Amino acid sequence: MKIRYCLLVKTVPEYSKRDGTLYTCSIGLSPELGLIRIYPLPPTGMNKWGIYELEVERNKRDTRKESWKLSSYARKENWTSLSDDVKFVRTANKSKVLSFLSRYIYPSISKLNEDRKSIGLIQTNQIRGYWDVNKKFINTNQVGMFDDVELAWFASYTKTTKQKESRVKFIDADGKHDLQLNEWGLYEYQRKFGAKEDAFRFINKGNSNYLMVGNMHNYRSTWIGMTTFNLKVEENSLFNHSTIKNR
């Protein structure tokens, strides 16, 4: 199925034990499919707020309704042919994106569970990001840990190489929550500047009033924070009601 897709967030990259590739999970908007996740995706080549034309299919390993994967074989080719299958259309108008997101707002995590959703936005006026100890940290400075050059390349980007884990505390209609916050940008901040509180400056200064969350594939009632937004709810069309005909 050919769709248009506005990428909104990429999670910190993971290393696939199944086929040895480095990949990230993305969440974005499509006029054809709504708010969806597409994974696996390469760490580079697709950027936040970009609108892309691409072809997707159901992910046979993931039965969540919102989960899709690229129809492309690019992953099996170490993503080298991605540009042949994913066409950049334009950079999205951010205000229209945020308005479009308003239809995916939920009052609580329990409501998302009740409706069997795996992605959604939670409205909250009490949200705080912070660093905590990363219990899965691997010290890549240990001799012989990453002798392989390719492994050494991915090591600097993955979550397991970071001493701190980003988390978010917030209150919804259910009460208080404390979740992992897996937005890649926060881990990139840690990689470049260290695990400083300044990484959460846009969250903790009250500039965000909505938290995007997604549940885990194998534990559907366990949720993870993805990113935050400051929404002003208006009726607007992100894609100007345009559609793409399937070939």
Protein backbone atom coordinates (compact mmCIF):
# COMPACT_ATOMS: atom_id res chain seq x y z
CA MET A 1 0.00 0.00 0.00
CA LYS A 2 1.44 3.37 -1.00
CA ILE A 3 0.97 6.14 1.54
CA ARG A 4 2.25 9.51 2.61
CA TYR A 5 3.86 9.59 6.01
CA CYS A 6 4.89 12.50 8.21
CA LEU A 7 7.54 11.27 10.62
CA LEU A 8 7.04 12.63 14.15
CA VAL A 9 9.45 10.69 16.34
CA LYS A 10 12.23 8.12 16.13
CA THR A 11 13.19 6.01 19.11
CA VAL A 12 16.76 5.39 20.22
CA PRO A 13 18.26 2.78 17.84
CA GLU A 14 18.40 -0.89 18.71
CA TYR A 15 20.57 -3.66 17.40
CA SER A 16 18.60 -6.56 15.92
CA LYS A 17 19.77 -9.95 17.12
CA ARG A 18 17.66 -11.56 14.41
CA ASP A 19 19.47 -10.20 11.34
CA GLY A 20 22.30 -8.03 12.63
CA THR A 21 21.00 -4.64 11.46
CA LEU A 22 20.75 -1.37 13.35
CA TYR A 23 17.26 0.08 13.25
CA THR A 24 14.89 2.55 14.84
CA CYS A 25 11.14 2.59 15.36
CA SER A 26 9.15 5.60 14.12
CA ILE A 27 5.71 7.03 14.77
CA GLY A 28 4.02 9.37 12.35
CA LEU A 29 0.85 10.48 10.58
CA SER A 30 -0.59 9.20 7.33
CA PRO A 31 -3.77 10.50 5.62
CA GLU A 32 -4.51 6.94 4.57
CA LEU A 33 -3.80 5.13 7.86
CA GLY A 34 -3.83 7.76 10.61
CA LEU A 35 -1.39 7.68 13.50
CA ILE A 36 0.85 4.66 12.93
CA ARG A 37 4.25 3.20 13.69
CA ILE A 38 6.61 2.08 10.95
CA TYR A 39 9.56 -0.08 11.85
CA PRO A 40 12.21 -1.11 11.34
CA LEU A 41 13.70 2.03 9.79
CA PRO A 42 17.35 2.99 9.33
CA PRO A 43 18.78 5.44 11.89
CA THR A 44 19.48 7.98 9.11
CA GLY A 45 17.73 8.95 5.89
CA MET A 46 14.34 10.02 7.29
CA ASN A 47 13.90 13.04 9.53
CA LYS A 48 11.33 14.43 11.94
CA TRP A 49 8.70 16.64 10.27
CA GLY A 50 9.54 15.21 6.86
CA ILE A 51 6.65 14.01 4.67
CA TYR A 52 7.57 10.93 2.65
CA GLU A 53 5.92 8.84 -0.02
CA LEU A 54 6.54 5.17 0.60
CA GLU A 55 5.01 1.72 0.38
CA VAL A 56 4.11 -0.25 3.49
CA GLU A 57 2.68 -3.61 4.39
CA ARG A 58 1.52 -5.33 7.54
CA ASN A 59 4.24 -6.39 9.94
CA LYS A 60 3.69 -10.14 10.33
CA ARG A 61 5.69 -10.14 13.54
CA ASP A 62 3.50 -7.47 15.13
CA THR A 63 -0.30 -7.79 15.33
CA ARG A 64 -0.92 -4.31 16.71
CA LYS A 65 -3.32 -2.50 14.38
CA GLU A 66 -1.10 0.58 14.12
CA SER A 67 2.08 -1.33 13.21
CA TRP A 68 3.43 -1.37 9.65
CA LYS A 69 6.75 -1.97 7.91
CA LEU A 70 8.33 -0.89 4.65
CA SER A 71 7.56 -3.15 1.72
CA SER A 72 11.09 -2.45 0.54
CA TYR A 73 13.92 -4.96 0.74
CA ALA A 74 16.26 -2.15 1.76
CA ARG A 75 16.76 -3.56 5.23
CA LYS A 76 18.13 -6.80 3.81
CA GLU A 77 20.56 -4.69 1.79
CA ASN A 78 21.77 -2.82 4.89
CA TRP A 79 19.49 0.10 3.93
CA THR A 80 21.65 1.05 0.93
CA SER A 81 18.66 1.14 -1.44
CA LEU A 82 16.34 3.08 0.86
CA SER A 83 16.37 6.19 -1.34
CA ASP A 84 14.94 4.13 -4.21
CA ASP A 85 11.87 3.23 -2.14
CA VAL A 86 11.27 6.27 0.07
CA LYS A 87 10.60 9.61 -1.64
CA PHE A 88 10.91 12.85 0.29
CA VAL A 89 7.97 15.11 -0.57
CA ARG A 90 8.44 18.19 1.61
CA THR A 91 8.89 19.40 5.17
CA ALA A 92 5.59 19.53 7.02
CA ASN A 93 3.94 22.63 8.42
CA LYS A 94 4.37 22.04 12.15
CA SER A 95 1.24 23.90 13.22
CA LYS A 96 -0.88 21.78 10.89
CA VAL A 97 0.75 18.61 12.15
CA LEU A 98 -0.03 19.49 15.76
CA SER A 99 -3.63 20.36 14.89
CA PHE A 100 -4.06 17.08 13.05
CA LEU A 101 -2.83 15.19 16.10
CA SER A 102 -5.73 16.42 18.23
CA ARG A 103 -7.96 13.52 17.11
CA TYR A 104 -5.63 11.06 18.85
CA ILE A 105 -5.90 12.51 22.36
CA TYR A 106 -6.86 10.18 25.21
CA PRO A 107 -7.53 11.02 28.86
CA SER A 108 -5.50 8.18 30.30
CA ILE A 109 -3.38 5.08 29.78
CA SER A 110 -6.31 2.94 30.94
CA LYS A 111 -8.50 4.37 28.17
CA LEU A 112 -5.87 3.44 25.58
CA ASN A 113 -5.85 -0.09 27.00
CA GLU A 114 -9.63 -0.23 26.99
CA ASP A 115 -9.82 0.85 23.34
CA ARG A 116 -7.00 -1.56 22.41
CA LYS A 117 -4.86 1.23 21.03
CA SER A 118 -1.10 0.94 20.88
CA ILE A 119 -0.30 4.65 20.24
CA GLY A 120 -1.90 7.82 21.55
CA LEU A 121 -1.50 11.26 23.06
CA ILE A 122 -2.08 11.88 26.75
CA GLN A 123 -3.07 15.37 27.84
CA THR A 124 -1.27 16.46 30.99
CA ASN A 125 -0.34 19.76 32.59
CA GLN A 126 2.09 18.07 34.97
CA ILE A 127 5.01 16.52 33.11
CA ARG A 128 8.68 16.24 34.04
CA GLY A 129 11.56 14.57 32.25
CA TYR A 130 14.61 13.32 34.15
CA TRP A 131 17.65 11.03 33.96
CA ASP A 132 17.84 7.79 35.89
CA VAL A 133 20.40 4.98 36.10
CA ASN A 134 20.38 2.80 32.97
CA LYS A 135 20.31 -0.74 34.33
CA LYS A 136 21.16 -2.13 30.87
CA PHE A 137 24.30 -0.04 30.45
CA ILE A 138 27.22 -1.80 28.74
CA ASN A 139 30.67 -0.30 29.17
CA THR A 140 32.00 -0.22 25.61
CA ASN A 141 35.46 0.76 26.86
CA GLN A 142 36.00 -2.74 28.12
CA VAL A 143 38.78 -4.43 26.17
CA GLY A 144 37.46 -6.74 23.47
CA MET A 145 33.82 -5.75 23.93
CA PHE A 146 33.42 -4.39 20.41
CA ASP A 147 36.31 -5.64 18.30
CA ASP A 148 34.22 -5.59 15.16
CA VAL A 149 34.28 -2.19 13.42
CA GLU A 150 30.61 -2.32 12.46
CA LEU A 151 29.58 -3.09 16.03
CA ALA A 152 31.73 -0.23 17.27
CA TRP A 153 29.88 2.12 14.90
CA PHE A 154 26.43 1.32 16.26
CA ALA A 155 27.63 1.20 19.85
CA SER A 156 27.79 4.99 20.23
CA TYR A 157 24.10 5.37 19.35
CA THR A 158 22.28 2.56 21.15
CA LYS A 159 20.64 2.87 24.53
CA THR A 160 22.77 0.18 26.17
CA THR A 161 25.89 2.34 25.76
CA LYS A 162 24.42 5.20 27.81
CA GLN A 163 24.88 5.36 31.58
CA LYS A 164 21.60 7.21 32.05
CA GLU A 165 18.06 6.40 30.96
CA SER A 166 15.61 9.18 30.13
CA ARG A 167 12.26 8.95 31.90
CA VAL A 168 9.12 11.03 32.26
CA LYS A 169 6.75 11.57 35.17
CA PHE A 170 3.24 12.82 34.46
CA ILE A 171 -0.33 12.77 35.70
CA ASP A 172 -3.33 11.69 33.63
CA ALA A 173 -6.92 10.76 34.54
CA ASP A 174 -5.62 7.55 36.13
CA GLY A 175 -3.14 9.31 38.38
CA LYS A 176 0.66 9.38 38.49
CA HIS A 177 2.92 7.59 35.98
CA ASP A 178 6.67 7.17 35.58
CA LEU A 179 7.69 5.80 32.16
CA GLN A 180 10.77 5.40 30.01
CA LEU A 181 11.10 8.21 27.47
CA ASN A 182 12.70 6.70 24.39
CA GLU A 183 13.00 9.70 22.08
CA TRP A 184 16.31 9.43 20.25
CA GLY A 185 17.01 13.15 20.50
CA LEU A 186 17.41 12.90 24.27
CA TYR A 187 19.98 10.14 23.97
CA GLU A 188 21.81 12.11 21.29
CA TYR A 189 21.95 15.01 23.73
CA GLN A 190 23.47 12.66 26.34
CA ARG A 191 25.99 11.34 23.80
CA LYS A 192 27.14 14.84 22.86
CA PHE A 193 26.85 16.80 26.11
CA GLY A 194 26.26 14.31 28.93
CA ALA A 195 23.17 13.48 30.95
CA LYS A 196 22.33 17.05 31.93
CA GLU A 197 18.95 18.36 33.03
CA ASP A 198 19.09 20.85 30.16
CA ALA A 199 18.11 17.98 27.83
CA PHE A 200 14.56 18.32 29.22
CA ARG A 201 14.40 22.12 29.10
CA PHE A 202 11.45 22.22 26.68
CA ILE A 203 9.53 19.65 28.72
CA ASN A 204 10.16 20.89 32.24
CA LYS A 205 9.58 24.58 31.54
CA GLY A 206 5.94 23.92 30.72
CA ASN A 207 6.32 24.07 26.95
CA SER A 208 4.75 20.63 26.47
CA ASN A 209 1.22 19.64 27.43
CA TYR A 210 0.84 16.33 25.59
CA LEU A 211 2.84 13.14 25.81
CA MET A 212 2.90 10.62 22.98
CA VAL A 213 2.99 7.07 24.30
CA GLY A 214 3.17 3.62 22.74
CA ASN A 215 2.86 0.18 24.26
CA MET A 216 5.36 -2.66 24.04
CA HIS A 217 4.99 -5.41 21.48
CA ASN A 218 5.28 -8.32 23.92
CA TYR A 219 3.69 -6.57 26.90
CA ARG A 220 0.70 -4.67 25.59
CA SER A 221 -0.24 -3.11 28.94
CA THR A 222 3.27 -1.70 29.42
CA TRP A 223 3.71 1.78 27.99
CA ILE A 224 6.70 3.91 26.98
CA GLY A 225 6.89 7.66 26.44
CA MET A 226 7.91 8.62 22.90
CA THR A 227 7.98 12.41 22.73
CA THR A 228 6.12 15.51 23.91
CA PHE A 229 4.14 18.16 22.06
CA ASN A 230 2.58 21.52 22.74
CA LEU A 231 -0.80 21.33 21.01
CA LYS A 232 -3.27 24.02 20.08
CA VAL A 233 -6.36 22.18 18.92
CA GLU A 234 -7.73 23.51 15.62
CA GLU A 235 -9.40 21.92 12.64
CA ASN A 236 -6.86 21.79 9.86
CA SER A 237 -5.59 19.33 7.28
CA LEU A 238 -2.00 18.25 7.32
CA PHE A 239 -2.10 16.81 3.82
CA ASN A 240 -4.74 19.06 2.24
CA HIS A 241 -6.94 15.97 1.86
CA SER A 242 -4.60 14.63 -0.83
CA THR A 243 -4.43 10.91 -1.40
CA ILE A 244 -2.10 8.59 -3.25
CA LYS A 245 -3.39 6.03 -5.66
CA ASN A 246 -2.05 2.53 -5.18
CA ARG A 247 -0.08 1.12 -8.02
